[in-house]
Amino acid sequence: MTDQLNIVCGADIHQRFLIATILCRDGRMWTNRFLMNINGLLTFKDWLMSYGCQKVAVESTGRFWAPIHMVLEGTVDVIVANAYKIKHTTKKKTDLKDSEWLAELCLNDMIEPSRIFPKEDRELRNLTRAREAYVRDLSKEKAESITSWNHAA
């Protein structure tokens, strides 16, 4: 059995900003908004450290979680949650409610984490994916060239 967490954060992330809620086991809660640029993420990191945050939970929304993970790696545990598995239905969905829900799930150890590859493997995986995309685009371009050449003949 793992030790119970006392101070965690749930972050609802978007392309340009994130809404974060720090939640303590005694019920205290703080919320803040940060930009998704390097200065904003470093400010987010400092904010987490100032409260002694032990873990941060984010949804696996596209690749928006990756910069957060990179900035916090080695400082605070980051748990990337599958959005489908943590669905929370409310009458009115808001970023604030989503960040609070993530924090609550994290505090109670109710998130099954997505797999995050070690840093070295992530770099190789990114290169492999980039190569696959390049080959796919090149093949598409060749097919279009052949099609247009056949129509011209």
Protein backbone atom coordinates (compact mmCIF):
# COMPACT_ATOMS: atom_id res chain seq x y z
CA MET A 1 0.00 0.00 0.00
CA THR A 2 1.30 3.45 -0.89
CA ASP A 3 1.48 6.41 1.45
CA GLN A 4 -1.54 8.67 1.43
CA LEU A 5 -1.02 11.97 -0.36
CA ASN A 6 -1.86 15.17 1.50
CA ILE A 7 -1.41 17.92 -1.11
CA VAL A 8 -2.13 17.37 -4.80
CA CYS A 9 -3.06 19.34 -7.89
CA GLY A 10 -5.52 18.76 -10.69
CA ALA A 11 -4.91 20.70 -13.89
CA ASP A 12 -7.41 21.20 -16.70
CA ILE A 13 -5.21 21.91 -19.70
CA HIS A 14 -5.84 23.68 -22.98
CA GLN A 15 -3.62 24.75 -25.84
CA ARG A 16 -3.00 28.27 -24.47
CA PHE A 17 -3.65 27.98 -20.72
CA LEU A 18 -4.31 25.65 -17.81
CA ILE A 19 -6.53 25.94 -14.76
CA ALA A 20 -4.98 24.30 -11.69
CA THR A 21 -6.50 23.45 -8.33
CA ILE A 22 -4.37 22.46 -5.36
CA LEU A 23 -6.34 20.35 -2.90
CA CYS A 24 -5.29 19.36 0.62
CA ARG A 25 -6.61 16.41 2.58
CA ASP A 26 -7.93 18.85 5.23
CA GLY A 27 -10.16 20.49 2.57
CA ARG A 28 -8.14 23.63 1.81
CA MET A 29 -8.11 24.50 -1.87
CA TRP A 30 -6.38 27.07 -4.13
CA THR A 31 -6.99 27.66 -7.82
CA ASN A 32 -4.92 29.58 -10.35
CA ARG A 33 -4.65 30.05 -14.12
CA PHE A 34 -1.35 29.76 -16.01
CA LEU A 35 -0.30 30.26 -19.61
CA MET A 36 0.97 27.24 -21.53
CA ASN A 37 4.28 28.88 -22.46
CA ILE A 38 7.64 28.34 -20.75
CA ASN A 39 7.24 31.30 -18.38
CA GLY A 40 3.72 30.25 -17.45
CA LEU A 41 4.77 26.64 -16.84
CA LEU A 42 7.75 27.69 -14.71
CA THR A 43 5.42 29.93 -12.68
CA PHE A 44 3.07 26.93 -12.35
CA LYS A 45 5.98 24.82 -11.09
CA ASP A 46 6.97 27.48 -8.52
CA TRP A 47 3.34 27.74 -7.38
CA LEU A 48 3.17 23.96 -6.85
CA MET A 49 6.45 23.96 -4.93
CA SER A 50 5.32 26.82 -2.70
CA TYR A 51 2.42 24.65 -1.47
CA GLY A 52 4.48 21.47 -1.19
CA CYS A 53 2.41 19.72 -3.84
CA GLN A 54 3.18 15.98 -4.01
CA LYS A 55 1.49 15.00 -7.28
CA VAL A 56 -0.16 16.66 -10.28
CA ALA A 57 -2.93 15.02 -12.30
CA VAL A 58 -3.67 16.06 -15.89
CA GLU A 59 -5.85 14.58 -18.62
CA SER A 60 -4.17 13.03 -21.63
CA THR A 61 -5.56 15.76 -23.87
CA GLY A 62 -3.71 15.52 -27.17
CA ARG A 63 -0.10 16.44 -26.52
CA PHE A 64 -0.92 19.39 -24.25
CA TRP A 65 0.20 17.40 -21.20
CA ALA A 66 3.76 16.88 -22.55
CA PRO A 67 5.17 20.38 -21.78
CA ILE A 68 3.79 20.16 -18.23
CA HIS A 69 5.39 16.75 -17.77
CA MET A 70 8.72 18.03 -19.12
CA VAL A 71 8.79 21.07 -16.81
CA LEU A 72 7.78 19.10 -13.71
CA GLU A 73 9.77 15.92 -14.41
CA GLY A 74 12.12 15.15 -11.53
CA THR A 75 10.41 17.68 -9.24
CA VAL A 76 6.80 16.59 -8.80
CA ASP A 77 5.12 13.34 -9.82
CA VAL A 78 2.82 13.85 -12.79
CA ILE A 79 0.02 11.44 -13.47
CA VAL A 80 -1.48 11.52 -16.96
CA ALA A 81 -5.05 10.24 -16.82
CA ASN A 82 -7.01 8.75 -19.68
CA ALA A 83 -9.86 11.25 -20.19
CA TYR A 84 -12.36 8.49 -20.95
CA LYS A 85 -11.63 6.67 -17.68
CA ILE A 86 -12.09 9.75 -15.46
CA LYS A 87 -15.21 11.17 -17.09
CA HIS A 88 -17.14 13.34 -14.69
CA THR A 89 -20.63 14.31 -15.68
CA THR A 90 -21.92 17.54 -14.27
CA LYS A 91 -24.80 19.69 -15.35
CA LYS A 92 -22.44 22.47 -16.35
CA LYS A 93 -18.87 21.56 -17.24
CA THR A 94 -16.27 24.22 -16.43
CA ASP A 95 -12.48 24.29 -16.36
CA LEU A 96 -12.60 25.00 -12.63
CA LYS A 97 -14.86 22.01 -11.90
CA ASP A 98 -12.67 19.78 -14.08
CA SER A 99 -9.49 20.82 -12.25
CA GLU A 100 -11.17 20.26 -8.87
CA TRP A 101 -12.41 16.82 -9.99
CA LEU A 102 -8.93 15.81 -11.15
CA ALA A 103 -7.45 16.98 -7.84
CA GLU A 104 -10.05 15.00 -5.88
CA LEU A 105 -9.38 11.83 -7.88
CA CYS A 106 -5.64 12.30 -7.44
CA LEU A 107 -5.93 12.92 -3.69
CA ASN A 108 -7.88 9.69 -3.30
CA ASP A 109 -5.58 7.67 -5.61
CA MET A 110 -8.41 6.95 -8.03
CA ILE A 111 -6.57 7.55 -11.32
CA GLU A 112 -5.12 4.74 -13.35
CA PRO A 113 -2.12 6.41 -15.00
CA SER A 114 -1.44 6.32 -18.71
CA ARG A 115 1.92 4.88 -19.65
CA ILE A 116 4.65 7.46 -20.06
CA PHE A 117 7.80 6.15 -21.63
CA PRO A 118 11.20 6.97 -20.08
CA LYS A 119 12.79 10.11 -21.50
CA GLU A 120 15.24 8.26 -23.79
CA ASP A 121 12.42 6.13 -25.24
CA ARG A 122 10.17 9.18 -25.70
CA GLU A 123 12.84 10.87 -27.82
CA LEU A 124 13.22 7.79 -30.05
CA ARG A 125 9.45 7.39 -30.25
CA ASN A 126 9.05 11.03 -31.34
CA LEU A 127 11.67 10.57 -34.05
CA THR A 128 10.00 7.37 -35.24
CA ARG A 129 6.60 9.08 -35.39
CA ALA A 130 8.10 12.04 -37.27
CA ARG A 131 9.68 9.67 -39.80
CA GLU A 132 6.40 7.79 -40.26
CA ALA A 133 4.58 11.08 -40.91
CA TYR A 134 7.27 12.14 -43.39
CA VAL A 135 7.06 8.83 -45.29
CA ARG A 136 3.25 9.01 -45.32
CA ASP A 137 3.32 12.59 -46.68
CA LEU A 138 5.92 11.65 -49.29
CA SER A 139 3.85 8.65 -50.44
CA LYS A 140 0.75 10.82 -50.66
CA GLU A 141 2.63 13.42 -52.72
CA LYS A 142 3.93 10.74 -55.10
CA ALA A 143 0.45 9.25 -55.54
CA GLU A 144 -1.00 12.69 -56.31
CA SER A 145 1.78 13.36 -58.83
CA ILE A 146 1.13 10.08 -60.62
CA THR A 147 -2.61 10.72 -60.67
CA SER A 148 -2.19 14.22 -62.11
CA TRP A 149 0.34 12.96 -64.66
CA ASN A 150 -2.08 10.20 -65.81
CA HIS A 151 -4.89 12.73 -66.21
CA ALA A 152 -2.65 15.01 -68.25
CA ALA A 153 -1.65 12.24 -70.67
